[in-house]
N, C-alpha and C. Protein backbone atom coordinates (compact mmCIF):
# COMPACT_ATOMS: atom_id res chain seq x y z
N UNK A 1 -65.04 192.90 108.54
CA UNK A 1 -66.15 192.64 107.57
C UNK A 1 -65.93 193.57 106.34
N UNK A 2 -66.19 193.00 105.20
CA UNK A 2 -66.06 193.73 104.00
C UNK A 2 -66.97 195.01 104.09
N UNK A 3 -66.32 196.14 103.69
CA UNK A 3 -67.08 197.44 103.86
C UNK A 3 -68.36 197.48 103.05
N UNK A 4 -68.34 196.88 101.83
CA UNK A 4 -69.53 196.90 100.96
C UNK A 4 -70.70 196.13 101.64
N UNK A 5 -70.29 194.93 102.18
CA UNK A 5 -71.31 194.08 102.77
C UNK A 5 -71.94 194.79 103.99
N UNK A 6 -71.03 195.39 104.78
CA UNK A 6 -71.53 196.16 105.96
C UNK A 6 -72.47 197.24 105.58
N UNK A 7 -72.19 198.01 104.47
CA UNK A 7 -73.01 199.06 104.02
C UNK A 7 -74.33 198.60 103.56
N UNK A 8 -74.32 197.39 102.93
CA UNK A 8 -75.62 196.84 102.45
C UNK A 8 -76.43 196.41 103.64
N UNK A 9 -75.84 195.83 104.67
CA UNK A 9 -76.63 195.47 105.83
C UNK A 9 -77.28 196.59 106.52
N UNK A 10 -76.58 197.74 106.55
CA UNK A 10 -77.13 199.01 107.16
C UNK A 10 -78.28 199.54 106.32
N UNK A 11 -78.07 199.51 104.99
CA UNK A 11 -79.00 200.21 104.10
C UNK A 11 -80.39 199.39 104.00
N UNK A 12 -80.28 198.06 104.05
CA UNK A 12 -81.42 197.27 103.86
C UNK A 12 -82.56 197.49 104.90
N UNK A 13 -82.25 197.56 106.20
CA UNK A 13 -83.36 197.91 107.16
C UNK A 13 -83.97 199.28 106.92
N UNK A 14 -83.08 200.20 106.51
CA UNK A 14 -83.56 201.57 106.18
C UNK A 14 -84.58 201.58 105.07
N UNK A 15 -84.33 200.72 104.06
CA UNK A 15 -85.24 200.61 102.93
C UNK A 15 -86.57 200.07 103.33
N UNK A 16 -86.53 199.07 104.20
CA UNK A 16 -87.81 198.49 104.73
C UNK A 16 -88.56 199.51 105.53
N UNK A 17 -87.79 200.29 106.29
CA UNK A 17 -88.43 201.34 107.19
C UNK A 17 -89.11 202.41 106.35
N UNK A 18 -88.41 202.84 105.33
CA UNK A 18 -88.90 203.89 104.41
C UNK A 18 -90.11 203.38 103.60
N UNK A 19 -89.97 202.11 103.11
CA UNK A 19 -91.08 201.59 102.34
C UNK A 19 -92.36 201.42 103.24
N UNK A 20 -92.19 201.04 104.48
CA UNK A 20 -93.26 200.91 105.41
C UNK A 20 -93.96 202.22 105.64
N UNK A 21 -93.20 203.25 105.71
CA UNK A 21 -93.78 204.63 105.96
C UNK A 21 -94.58 205.14 104.80
N UNK A 22 -94.25 204.71 103.61
CA UNK A 22 -94.84 205.25 102.43
C UNK A 22 -95.98 204.32 101.84
N UNK A 23 -96.25 203.23 102.56
CA UNK A 23 -97.30 202.35 102.12
C UNK A 23 -98.65 203.04 102.10
N UNK A 24 -99.40 202.92 100.98
CA UNK A 24 -100.70 203.47 100.83
C UNK A 24 -101.77 202.40 100.64
N UNK A 25 -102.97 202.69 101.15
CA UNK A 25 -104.11 201.83 100.95
C UNK A 25 -104.62 201.99 99.51
N UNK A 26 -104.65 200.98 98.80
CA UNK A 26 -105.18 201.00 97.40
C UNK A 26 -106.57 200.45 97.32
N UNK A 27 -107.55 201.26 96.93
CA UNK A 27 -108.92 200.78 96.79
C UNK A 27 -109.13 199.84 95.59
N UNK A 28 -110.03 198.85 95.76
CA UNK A 28 -110.33 198.08 94.58
C UNK A 28 -110.84 198.99 93.45
N UNK A 29 -110.57 198.51 92.25
CA UNK A 29 -110.87 199.33 91.07
C UNK A 29 -112.40 199.65 91.03
N UNK A 30 -113.20 198.66 91.30
CA UNK A 30 -114.65 198.84 91.22
C UNK A 30 -115.10 199.91 92.22
N UNK A 31 -114.53 199.89 93.48
CA UNK A 31 -114.90 200.84 94.51
C UNK A 31 -114.46 202.25 94.14
N UNK A 32 -113.26 202.36 93.50
CA UNK A 32 -112.78 203.59 93.12
C UNK A 32 -113.62 204.16 91.96
N UNK A 33 -114.10 203.38 91.08
CA UNK A 33 -114.96 203.83 89.97
C UNK A 33 -116.27 204.39 90.50
N UNK A 34 -116.87 203.64 91.51
CA UNK A 34 -118.11 204.15 92.15
C UNK A 34 -117.92 205.46 92.79
N UNK A 35 -116.80 205.59 93.52
CA UNK A 35 -116.56 206.86 94.20
C UNK A 35 -116.36 208.02 93.22
N UNK A 36 -115.64 207.72 92.13
CA UNK A 36 -115.38 208.74 91.11
C UNK A 36 -116.68 209.10 90.40
N UNK A 37 -117.50 208.15 90.14
CA UNK A 37 -118.82 208.41 89.49
C UNK A 37 -119.68 209.27 90.37
N UNK A 38 -119.69 209.02 91.72
CA UNK A 38 -120.53 209.80 92.64
C UNK A 38 -119.97 211.23 92.72
N UNK A 39 -118.66 211.33 92.68
CA UNK A 39 -118.08 212.63 92.76
C UNK A 39 -118.38 213.44 91.47
N UNK A 40 -118.30 212.84 90.30
CA UNK A 40 -118.55 213.49 89.10
C UNK A 40 -120.03 213.88 88.98
N UNK A 41 -120.93 213.04 89.50
CA UNK A 41 -122.31 213.32 89.43
C UNK A 41 -122.64 214.51 90.32
N UNK A 42 -121.99 214.50 91.50
CA UNK A 42 -122.20 215.66 92.35
C UNK A 42 -121.73 216.96 91.79
N UNK A 43 -120.58 216.90 91.08
CA UNK A 43 -120.01 218.03 90.49
C UNK A 43 -120.97 218.56 89.39
N UNK A 44 -121.47 217.65 88.61
CA UNK A 44 -122.44 218.01 87.46
C UNK A 44 -123.60 218.71 88.04
N UNK A 45 -124.20 218.13 89.15
CA UNK A 45 -125.38 218.71 89.74
C UNK A 45 -125.09 220.15 90.22
N UNK A 46 -123.92 220.27 90.88
CA UNK A 46 -123.53 221.59 91.38
C UNK A 46 -123.44 222.65 90.32
N UNK A 47 -122.88 222.22 89.15
CA UNK A 47 -122.69 223.07 88.02
C UNK A 47 -124.13 223.49 87.51
N UNK A 48 -124.97 222.51 87.40
CA UNK A 48 -126.38 222.81 86.91
C UNK A 48 -127.09 223.77 87.87
N UNK A 49 -126.87 223.55 89.18
CA UNK A 49 -127.52 224.40 90.22
C UNK A 49 -127.09 225.78 90.00
N UNK A 50 -125.83 226.05 89.83
CA UNK A 50 -125.32 227.46 89.62
C UNK A 50 -125.96 228.06 88.40
N UNK A 51 -126.15 227.26 87.37
CA UNK A 51 -126.73 227.79 86.12
C UNK A 51 -128.21 228.23 86.38
N UNK A 52 -128.90 227.32 87.06
CA UNK A 52 -130.35 227.61 87.19
C UNK A 52 -130.66 228.60 88.33
N UNK A 53 -129.80 228.73 89.21
CA UNK A 53 -129.90 229.80 90.22
C UNK A 53 -129.77 231.17 89.54
N UNK A 54 -128.86 231.27 88.62
CA UNK A 54 -128.67 232.50 87.87
C UNK A 54 -129.84 232.77 86.96
N UNK A 55 -130.34 231.70 86.34
CA UNK A 55 -131.50 231.85 85.42
C UNK A 55 -132.78 232.31 86.21
N UNK A 56 -132.92 231.70 87.41
CA UNK A 56 -134.08 232.06 88.24
C UNK A 56 -133.96 233.53 88.68
N UNK A 57 -132.78 234.04 88.94
CA UNK A 57 -132.57 235.45 89.27
C UNK A 57 -132.90 236.34 88.08
N UNK A 58 -132.41 235.94 86.92
CA UNK A 58 -132.61 236.72 85.73
C UNK A 58 -134.08 236.72 85.22
N UNK A 59 -134.77 235.58 85.46
CA UNK A 59 -136.17 235.44 84.98
C UNK A 59 -136.99 235.04 86.21
N UNK A 60 -137.24 235.97 87.13
CA UNK A 60 -137.99 235.58 88.35
C UNK A 60 -139.44 235.17 88.16
N UNK A 61 -140.03 235.41 86.97
CA UNK A 61 -141.41 235.08 86.79
C UNK A 61 -141.54 233.76 86.00
N UNK A 62 -140.42 233.08 85.75
CA UNK A 62 -140.42 231.83 85.00
C UNK A 62 -140.47 230.66 86.01
N UNK A 63 -141.62 230.02 86.07
CA UNK A 63 -141.79 228.92 87.04
C UNK A 63 -140.93 227.70 86.71
N UNK A 64 -140.61 227.56 85.44
CA UNK A 64 -139.84 226.34 85.03
C UNK A 64 -138.46 226.33 85.60
N UNK A 65 -137.92 227.45 85.84
CA UNK A 65 -136.54 227.49 86.45
C UNK A 65 -136.60 227.14 87.92
N UNK A 66 -137.68 227.48 88.59
CA UNK A 66 -137.84 227.13 90.02
C UNK A 66 -138.09 225.60 90.12
N UNK A 67 -138.90 225.15 89.13
CA UNK A 67 -139.13 223.63 89.10
C UNK A 67 -137.84 222.87 88.94
N UNK A 68 -136.98 223.39 87.95
CA UNK A 68 -135.71 222.70 87.75
C UNK A 68 -134.82 222.75 88.98
N UNK A 69 -134.84 223.88 89.66
CA UNK A 69 -134.09 224.00 90.93
C UNK A 69 -134.55 222.99 91.91
N UNK A 70 -135.87 222.82 92.06
CA UNK A 70 -136.41 221.94 92.96
C UNK A 70 -135.94 220.51 92.71
N UNK A 71 -135.93 220.12 91.46
CA UNK A 71 -135.51 218.83 91.05
C UNK A 71 -133.96 218.52 91.30
N UNK A 72 -133.22 219.61 91.09
CA UNK A 72 -131.78 219.52 91.37
C UNK A 72 -131.48 219.43 92.86
N UNK A 73 -132.16 220.20 93.66
CA UNK A 73 -132.06 220.13 95.10
C UNK A 73 -132.46 218.73 95.59
N UNK A 74 -133.47 218.25 94.96
CA UNK A 74 -133.96 216.91 95.42
C UNK A 74 -132.91 215.86 95.08
N UNK A 75 -132.27 216.00 93.94
CA UNK A 75 -131.17 215.02 93.60
C UNK A 75 -130.07 215.13 94.56
N UNK A 76 -129.76 216.31 95.14
CA UNK A 76 -128.77 216.48 96.09
C UNK A 76 -129.26 216.08 97.52
N UNK A 77 -130.50 215.65 97.64
CA UNK A 77 -131.14 215.28 98.93
C UNK A 77 -131.24 216.52 99.82
N UNK A 78 -131.25 217.68 99.21
CA UNK A 78 -131.52 218.92 99.94
C UNK A 78 -133.01 219.20 99.87
N UNK A 79 -133.77 218.46 100.73
CA UNK A 79 -135.26 218.47 100.53
C UNK A 79 -135.81 219.81 100.94
N UNK A 80 -135.30 220.45 101.94
CA UNK A 80 -135.81 221.80 102.32
C UNK A 80 -135.70 222.82 101.22
N UNK A 81 -134.54 222.89 100.56
CA UNK A 81 -134.37 223.82 99.50
C UNK A 81 -135.27 223.42 98.31
N UNK A 82 -135.41 222.12 98.08
CA UNK A 82 -136.26 221.66 97.00
C UNK A 82 -137.71 222.13 97.26
N UNK A 83 -138.16 222.03 98.45
CA UNK A 83 -139.62 222.46 98.73
C UNK A 83 -139.75 223.95 98.61
N UNK A 84 -138.67 224.69 99.06
CA UNK A 84 -138.79 226.12 98.86
C UNK A 84 -138.88 226.58 97.43
N UNK A 85 -138.02 225.98 96.60
CA UNK A 85 -138.06 226.25 95.14
C UNK A 85 -139.35 225.87 94.50
N UNK A 86 -139.89 224.73 94.97
CA UNK A 86 -141.21 224.29 94.44
C UNK A 86 -142.37 225.21 94.88
N UNK A 87 -142.19 225.72 96.08
CA UNK A 87 -143.29 226.67 96.63
C UNK A 87 -143.29 227.94 95.67
N UNK A 88 -142.08 228.37 95.29
CA UNK A 88 -142.00 229.51 94.41
C UNK A 88 -142.54 229.24 93.04
N UNK A 89 -142.33 228.02 92.57
CA UNK A 89 -142.88 227.61 91.29
C UNK A 89 -144.37 227.60 91.35
N UNK A 90 -144.92 227.08 92.43
CA UNK A 90 -146.43 226.95 92.54
C UNK A 90 -147.09 228.35 92.66
N UNK A 91 -146.39 229.31 93.22
CA UNK A 91 -146.93 230.65 93.26
C UNK A 91 -147.04 231.26 91.89
N UNK A 92 -146.07 230.93 91.04
CA UNK A 92 -146.02 231.40 89.65
C UNK A 92 -146.96 230.67 88.70
N UNK A 93 -147.25 229.42 89.00
CA UNK A 93 -148.04 228.62 88.14
C UNK A 93 -148.82 227.62 89.04
N UNK A 94 -149.89 228.10 89.58
CA UNK A 94 -150.59 227.37 90.66
C UNK A 94 -151.42 226.16 90.16
N UNK A 95 -151.67 226.08 88.90
CA UNK A 95 -152.56 225.06 88.35
C UNK A 95 -151.73 223.88 87.73
N UNK A 96 -150.40 223.89 87.87
CA UNK A 96 -149.58 222.83 87.24
C UNK A 96 -149.59 221.61 88.15
N UNK A 97 -150.15 220.51 87.66
CA UNK A 97 -150.21 219.29 88.53
C UNK A 97 -148.83 218.64 88.71
N UNK A 98 -147.86 218.92 87.93
CA UNK A 98 -146.49 218.38 88.05
C UNK A 98 -145.93 218.76 89.43
N UNK A 99 -146.25 219.94 89.87
CA UNK A 99 -145.69 220.44 91.10
C UNK A 99 -146.16 219.57 92.30
N UNK A 100 -147.43 219.28 92.29
CA UNK A 100 -147.93 218.38 93.38
C UNK A 100 -147.25 217.02 93.37
N UNK A 101 -147.06 216.52 92.19
CA UNK A 101 -146.42 215.22 91.99
C UNK A 101 -145.00 215.26 92.55
N UNK A 102 -144.25 216.26 92.19
CA UNK A 102 -142.88 216.37 92.63
C UNK A 102 -142.88 216.62 94.15
N UNK A 103 -143.76 217.49 94.61
CA UNK A 103 -143.87 217.74 96.05
C UNK A 103 -144.17 216.45 96.85
N UNK A 104 -145.04 215.66 96.32
CA UNK A 104 -145.29 214.39 97.02
C UNK A 104 -144.06 213.52 97.11
N UNK A 105 -143.28 213.44 96.06
CA UNK A 105 -142.14 212.59 96.06
C UNK A 105 -141.04 213.07 97.01
N UNK A 106 -140.95 214.43 97.07
CA UNK A 106 -139.97 215.02 98.06
C UNK A 106 -140.44 214.79 99.47
N UNK A 107 -141.72 215.00 99.75
CA UNK A 107 -142.22 214.75 101.09
C UNK A 107 -142.11 213.35 101.53
N UNK A 108 -142.30 212.42 100.55
CA UNK A 108 -142.15 211.03 100.84
C UNK A 108 -140.72 210.73 101.22
N UNK A 109 -139.77 211.35 100.50
CA UNK A 109 -138.36 211.18 100.83
C UNK A 109 -138.05 211.69 102.21
N UNK A 110 -138.71 212.70 102.64
CA UNK A 110 -138.57 213.27 103.98
C UNK A 110 -139.16 212.45 105.07
N UNK A 111 -140.01 211.48 104.66
CA UNK A 111 -140.71 210.69 105.66
C UNK A 111 -142.05 211.35 106.08
N UNK A 112 -142.43 212.35 105.46
CA UNK A 112 -143.69 213.05 105.86
C UNK A 112 -144.82 212.41 105.03
N UNK A 113 -145.23 211.20 105.42
CA UNK A 113 -146.13 210.39 104.63
C UNK A 113 -147.52 210.94 104.45
N UNK A 114 -148.01 211.50 105.57
CA UNK A 114 -149.43 212.10 105.48
C UNK A 114 -149.45 213.28 104.48
N UNK A 115 -148.46 214.13 104.50
CA UNK A 115 -148.36 215.25 103.58
C UNK A 115 -148.15 214.75 102.18
N UNK A 116 -147.34 213.71 101.98
CA UNK A 116 -147.18 213.14 100.69
C UNK A 116 -148.39 212.51 100.19
N UNK A 117 -149.21 211.86 101.00
CA UNK A 117 -150.43 211.28 100.59
C UNK A 117 -151.36 212.37 100.05
N UNK A 118 -151.49 213.54 100.74
CA UNK A 118 -152.31 214.58 100.27
C UNK A 118 -151.90 215.10 98.95
N UNK A 119 -150.52 215.22 98.77
CA UNK A 119 -150.04 215.73 97.48
C UNK A 119 -150.28 214.78 96.34
N UNK A 120 -150.10 213.47 96.57
CA UNK A 120 -150.48 212.51 95.60
C UNK A 120 -151.93 212.53 95.19
N UNK A 121 -152.81 212.68 96.21
CA UNK A 121 -154.22 212.66 95.93
C UNK A 121 -154.61 213.95 95.17
N UNK A 122 -153.85 215.05 95.43
CA UNK A 122 -154.11 216.23 94.74
C UNK A 122 -153.92 216.05 93.20
N UNK A 123 -152.92 215.22 92.92
CA UNK A 123 -152.59 214.90 91.54
C UNK A 123 -153.67 214.02 90.93
N UNK A 124 -154.02 212.94 91.67
CA UNK A 124 -154.92 211.94 91.16
C UNK A 124 -156.31 212.36 91.12
N UNK A 125 -156.84 212.92 92.16
CA UNK A 125 -158.23 213.27 92.28
C UNK A 125 -158.51 214.74 92.00
N UNK A 126 -157.48 215.55 92.09
CA UNK A 126 -157.62 217.06 91.97
C UNK A 126 -157.44 217.54 90.55
N UNK A 127 -157.12 216.64 89.56
CA UNK A 127 -156.97 217.08 88.24
C UNK A 127 -157.87 216.17 87.36
N UNK A 128 -158.17 216.77 86.21
CA UNK A 128 -159.05 216.03 85.22
C UNK A 128 -158.27 214.87 84.70
N UNK A 129 -158.91 213.72 84.66
CA UNK A 129 -158.33 212.47 84.14
C UNK A 129 -157.17 212.01 85.00
N UNK A 130 -157.09 212.43 86.19
CA UNK A 130 -155.92 212.04 87.04
C UNK A 130 -155.79 210.60 87.27
N UNK A 131 -156.92 209.87 87.16
CA UNK A 131 -156.79 208.42 87.40
C UNK A 131 -156.57 207.67 86.08
N UNK A 132 -156.28 208.37 85.04
CA UNK A 132 -155.89 207.78 83.71
C UNK A 132 -154.42 207.46 83.63
N UNK A 133 -153.67 207.89 84.63
CA UNK A 133 -152.19 207.69 84.57
C UNK A 133 -151.73 206.74 85.74
N UNK A 134 -150.97 205.74 85.31
CA UNK A 134 -150.58 204.75 86.32
C UNK A 134 -149.53 205.21 87.29
N UNK A 135 -148.69 206.11 86.83
CA UNK A 135 -147.53 206.54 87.65
C UNK A 135 -147.86 207.05 89.01
N UNK A 136 -148.71 208.07 89.18
CA UNK A 136 -149.10 208.61 90.51
C UNK A 136 -149.79 207.59 91.30
N UNK A 137 -150.64 206.73 90.67
CA UNK A 137 -151.34 205.63 91.38
C UNK A 137 -150.42 204.65 91.98
N UNK A 138 -149.35 204.29 91.26
CA UNK A 138 -148.36 203.36 91.75
C UNK A 138 -147.55 203.98 92.89
N UNK A 139 -147.24 205.24 92.73
CA UNK A 139 -146.42 205.94 93.78
C UNK A 139 -147.30 205.98 95.08
N UNK A 140 -148.58 206.32 94.91
CA UNK A 140 -149.40 206.37 96.12
C UNK A 140 -149.58 204.96 96.78
N UNK A 141 -149.75 203.99 95.89
CA UNK A 141 -149.88 202.58 96.42
C UNK A 141 -148.56 202.14 97.16
N UNK A 142 -147.42 202.53 96.63
CA UNK A 142 -146.14 202.19 97.34
C UNK A 142 -146.08 202.98 98.68
N UNK A 143 -146.52 204.24 98.66
CA UNK A 143 -146.60 204.99 99.88
C UNK A 143 -147.45 204.32 100.94
N UNK A 144 -148.62 203.88 100.52
CA UNK A 144 -149.44 203.19 101.44
C UNK A 144 -148.83 201.88 101.98
N UNK A 145 -148.03 201.21 101.19
CA UNK A 145 -147.38 200.03 101.66
C UNK A 145 -146.36 200.44 102.77
N UNK A 146 -145.63 201.56 102.54
CA UNK A 146 -144.78 202.00 103.67
C UNK A 146 -145.53 202.45 104.86
N UNK A 147 -146.78 202.84 104.74
CA UNK A 147 -147.56 203.31 105.81
C UNK A 147 -148.33 202.08 106.44
N UNK A 148 -148.10 200.90 105.90
CA UNK A 148 -148.75 199.68 106.36
C UNK A 148 -150.25 199.79 106.23
N UNK A 149 -150.65 200.32 105.10
CA UNK A 149 -152.13 200.42 104.81
C UNK A 149 -152.33 199.61 103.50
N UNK A 150 -152.21 198.36 103.61
CA UNK A 150 -152.23 197.54 102.46
C UNK A 150 -153.56 197.51 101.67
N UNK A 151 -154.70 197.73 102.41
CA UNK A 151 -155.98 197.73 101.76
C UNK A 151 -156.07 198.95 100.74
N UNK A 152 -155.60 200.04 101.18
CA UNK A 152 -155.61 201.21 100.33
C UNK A 152 -154.55 201.03 99.20
N UNK A 153 -153.44 200.41 99.48
CA UNK A 153 -152.45 200.16 98.53
C UNK A 153 -153.04 199.29 97.36
N UNK A 154 -153.74 198.24 97.78
CA UNK A 154 -154.30 197.36 96.74
C UNK A 154 -155.28 198.01 95.83
N UNK A 155 -156.07 198.93 96.34
CA UNK A 155 -157.00 199.76 95.49
C UNK A 155 -156.17 200.52 94.47
N UNK A 156 -155.09 201.12 94.93
CA UNK A 156 -154.25 201.95 94.01
C UNK A 156 -153.62 201.11 92.95
N UNK A 157 -153.12 199.96 93.35
CA UNK A 157 -152.49 199.09 92.35
C UNK A 157 -153.51 198.55 91.33
N UNK A 158 -154.69 198.31 91.77
CA UNK A 158 -155.70 197.83 90.81
C UNK A 158 -156.15 198.96 89.89
N UNK A 159 -156.20 200.20 90.45
CA UNK A 159 -156.53 201.37 89.57
C UNK A 159 -155.44 201.62 88.57
N UNK A 160 -154.20 201.41 88.99
CA UNK A 160 -153.04 201.63 88.05
C UNK A 160 -153.03 200.57 86.92
N UNK A 161 -153.50 199.35 87.29
CA UNK A 161 -153.57 198.40 86.24
C UNK A 161 -154.77 198.66 85.28
N UNK A 162 -155.84 199.22 85.86
CA UNK A 162 -156.94 199.57 84.95
C UNK A 162 -156.49 200.71 84.02
N UNK A 163 -155.75 201.63 84.54
CA UNK A 163 -155.25 202.77 83.72
C UNK A 163 -154.25 202.30 82.60
N UNK A 164 -153.51 201.22 82.89
CA UNK A 164 -152.57 200.76 81.92
C UNK A 164 -152.49 199.18 82.03
N UNK A 165 -153.30 198.48 81.31
CA UNK A 165 -153.35 197.02 81.44
C UNK A 165 -152.11 196.32 81.06
N UNK A 166 -151.22 197.01 80.26
CA UNK A 166 -149.97 196.42 79.85
C UNK A 166 -148.85 196.57 80.83
N UNK A 167 -149.03 197.31 81.87
CA UNK A 167 -148.04 197.59 82.78
C UNK A 167 -147.88 196.43 83.79
N UNK A 168 -146.71 195.87 83.88
CA UNK A 168 -146.47 194.60 84.68
C UNK A 168 -146.39 194.95 86.16
N UNK A 169 -145.87 196.09 86.53
CA UNK A 169 -145.55 196.33 87.93
C UNK A 169 -146.76 196.23 88.86
N UNK A 170 -147.94 196.68 88.52
CA UNK A 170 -149.13 196.48 89.37
C UNK A 170 -149.38 195.04 89.76
N UNK A 171 -149.17 194.14 88.76
CA UNK A 171 -149.41 192.72 89.02
C UNK A 171 -148.47 192.25 90.18
N UNK A 172 -147.25 192.67 90.17
CA UNK A 172 -146.33 192.31 91.18
C UNK A 172 -146.74 192.73 92.55
N UNK A 173 -147.18 194.04 92.67
CA UNK A 173 -147.56 194.58 93.98
C UNK A 173 -148.93 194.00 94.48
N UNK A 174 -149.79 193.70 93.51
CA UNK A 174 -151.08 193.13 93.87
C UNK A 174 -150.81 191.73 94.46
N UNK A 175 -149.85 191.01 93.83
CA UNK A 175 -149.46 189.63 94.35
C UNK A 175 -148.85 189.82 95.74
N UNK A 176 -148.02 190.84 95.97
CA UNK A 176 -147.39 190.99 97.27
C UNK A 176 -148.50 191.28 98.35
N UNK A 177 -149.48 192.08 98.02
CA UNK A 177 -150.52 192.35 99.01
C UNK A 177 -151.35 191.15 99.27
N UNK A 178 -151.64 190.37 98.18
CA UNK A 178 -152.50 189.17 98.38
C UNK A 178 -151.74 188.22 99.25
N UNK A 179 -150.46 188.12 99.17
CA UNK A 179 -149.64 187.23 100.02
C UNK A 179 -149.72 187.70 101.48
N UNK A 180 -149.64 189.04 101.67
CA UNK A 180 -149.78 189.56 103.01
C UNK A 180 -151.17 189.23 103.60
N UNK A 181 -152.22 189.22 102.78
CA UNK A 181 -153.52 188.91 103.25
C UNK A 181 -153.81 187.38 103.21
N UNK A 182 -152.77 186.60 103.02
CA UNK A 182 -152.79 185.12 102.96
C UNK A 182 -153.80 184.57 101.91
N UNK A 183 -153.87 185.34 100.85
CA UNK A 183 -154.76 184.92 99.74
C UNK A 183 -153.84 184.29 98.63
N UNK A 184 -153.44 183.04 98.92
CA UNK A 184 -152.38 182.42 98.14
C UNK A 184 -152.82 182.28 96.67
N UNK A 185 -154.02 181.89 96.37
CA UNK A 185 -154.49 181.62 94.99
C UNK A 185 -154.37 182.91 94.21
N UNK A 186 -154.92 183.97 94.81
CA UNK A 186 -154.92 185.33 94.14
C UNK A 186 -153.46 185.78 93.89
N UNK A 187 -152.61 185.58 94.88
CA UNK A 187 -151.24 185.99 94.75
C UNK A 187 -150.59 185.23 93.56
N UNK A 188 -150.79 183.95 93.48
CA UNK A 188 -150.26 183.19 92.38
C UNK A 188 -150.67 183.71 90.96
N UNK A 189 -151.98 184.02 90.91
CA UNK A 189 -152.47 184.48 89.67
C UNK A 189 -151.89 185.87 89.28
N UNK A 190 -151.64 186.74 90.24
CA UNK A 190 -151.03 188.03 89.98
C UNK A 190 -149.55 187.89 89.54
N UNK A 191 -148.85 187.00 90.24
CA UNK A 191 -147.44 186.79 89.89
C UNK A 191 -147.31 186.17 88.49
N UNK A 192 -148.21 185.20 88.23
CA UNK A 192 -148.21 184.68 86.82
C UNK A 192 -148.50 185.64 85.78
N UNK A 193 -149.43 186.56 86.06
CA UNK A 193 -149.79 187.61 85.08
C UNK A 193 -148.61 188.59 84.91
N UNK A 194 -147.89 188.82 85.96
CA UNK A 194 -146.62 189.67 85.87
C UNK A 194 -145.73 189.01 84.82
N UNK A 195 -145.50 187.78 84.88
CA UNK A 195 -144.62 187.09 83.92
C UNK A 195 -145.25 187.10 82.52
N UNK A 196 -146.53 186.91 82.41
CA UNK A 196 -147.18 186.80 81.15
C UNK A 196 -147.14 188.15 80.35
N UNK A 197 -147.21 189.26 81.06
CA UNK A 197 -147.21 190.51 80.38
C UNK A 197 -145.76 191.02 80.13
N UNK A 198 -144.80 190.13 80.48
CA UNK A 198 -143.40 190.46 80.14
C UNK A 198 -142.62 191.20 81.15
N UNK A 199 -143.06 191.12 82.42
CA UNK A 199 -142.29 191.76 83.47
C UNK A 199 -140.83 191.27 83.55
N UNK A 200 -139.93 192.15 83.56
CA UNK A 200 -138.50 191.72 83.60
C UNK A 200 -137.73 192.14 84.87
N UNK A 201 -138.09 193.31 85.42
CA UNK A 201 -137.30 193.91 86.46
C UNK A 201 -137.30 192.96 87.72
N UNK A 202 -138.43 192.26 87.94
CA UNK A 202 -138.52 191.43 89.13
C UNK A 202 -138.69 189.98 88.69
N UNK A 203 -138.26 189.67 87.53
CA UNK A 203 -138.49 188.34 86.97
C UNK A 203 -138.01 187.20 87.84
N UNK A 204 -136.78 187.26 88.35
CA UNK A 204 -136.19 186.23 89.16
C UNK A 204 -136.90 186.10 90.49
N UNK A 205 -137.14 187.21 91.10
CA UNK A 205 -137.86 187.14 92.42
C UNK A 205 -139.29 186.52 92.24
N UNK A 206 -140.00 186.97 91.16
CA UNK A 206 -141.32 186.47 90.98
C UNK A 206 -141.34 184.95 90.73
N UNK A 207 -140.38 184.57 89.85
CA UNK A 207 -140.27 183.12 89.53
C UNK A 207 -140.00 182.29 90.74
N UNK A 208 -139.09 182.76 91.57
CA UNK A 208 -138.70 182.05 92.82
C UNK A 208 -139.88 181.97 93.77
N UNK A 209 -140.63 183.04 93.83
CA UNK A 209 -141.79 183.11 94.65
C UNK A 209 -142.90 182.07 94.21
N UNK A 210 -143.11 182.07 92.92
CA UNK A 210 -144.02 181.16 92.31
C UNK A 210 -143.60 179.71 92.53
N UNK A 211 -142.32 179.37 92.44
CA UNK A 211 -141.80 178.06 92.64
C UNK A 211 -141.92 177.61 94.17
N UNK A 212 -141.84 178.64 94.99
CA UNK A 212 -142.00 178.34 96.43
C UNK A 212 -143.51 178.03 96.74
N UNK A 213 -144.35 178.77 96.03
CA UNK A 213 -145.82 178.61 96.32
C UNK A 213 -146.30 177.39 95.53
N UNK A 214 -145.65 176.98 94.46
CA UNK A 214 -146.03 175.80 93.60
C UNK A 214 -144.81 174.99 93.31
N UNK A 215 -144.48 174.10 94.17
CA UNK A 215 -143.15 173.35 93.98
C UNK A 215 -143.18 172.58 92.61
N UNK A 216 -144.24 172.19 92.09
CA UNK A 216 -144.27 171.45 90.82
C UNK A 216 -144.38 172.44 89.53
N UNK A 217 -144.18 173.69 89.84
CA UNK A 217 -144.32 174.64 88.68
C UNK A 217 -143.29 174.46 87.62
N UNK A 218 -143.75 174.50 86.41
CA UNK A 218 -142.82 174.51 85.22
C UNK A 218 -143.01 175.81 84.49
N UNK A 219 -141.87 176.45 84.14
CA UNK A 219 -141.99 177.80 83.60
C UNK A 219 -142.75 177.82 82.33
N UNK A 220 -142.68 176.79 81.46
CA UNK A 220 -143.44 176.80 80.20
C UNK A 220 -144.93 176.71 80.42
N UNK A 221 -145.33 176.25 81.63
CA UNK A 221 -146.78 176.26 82.00
C UNK A 221 -147.35 177.70 82.08
N UNK A 222 -146.48 178.63 82.48
CA UNK A 222 -146.89 180.00 82.57
C UNK A 222 -146.87 180.71 81.30
N UNK A 223 -145.76 180.47 80.57
CA UNK A 223 -145.65 181.09 79.20
C UNK A 223 -146.70 180.59 78.28
């Protein structure tokens, strides 16, 4: 056999063997971008944490640095450290309602619903004009939904709507509760109001729900 041909026949399997050993799994570009974004975000939070830990040490009587630490720990889902930082902030500035609001959100994330409820109520009922702001009312309403206390949730959503009549989100949740209570007509009215005030975030879901409840619905009838 020709020596060159023989050499090629020997070399070819070796190339296949080597190439098989060096094969790597290549992630889809979209997946790789998500992973890199998460890693970058985590790095940014860590850098900020280092900064505010030092500031908190240098200025131990400044509540704002403890509050910032609490928020950063919360972003890292380190709820225990977040609550500790928040407790230090509350000692330094006990009358700040923001701390109760942040505490409620952290406790809710931990699944401590009863404690979160108390913290939200401290913001809403424990401060002057607390019911003039829709945010805490909506948060408490959503908490009650998780606790399967839809009657209390409905009151919160209605109060949020009263606080801000231009806010579309309460209409959506009122409609959800009315559906749970089998109050079809009231649910339809709430979902239609959601669309009329310009709700966009849940537009497709609300429209599909309305079409299921009213098969003959035409979108221009709502507009």
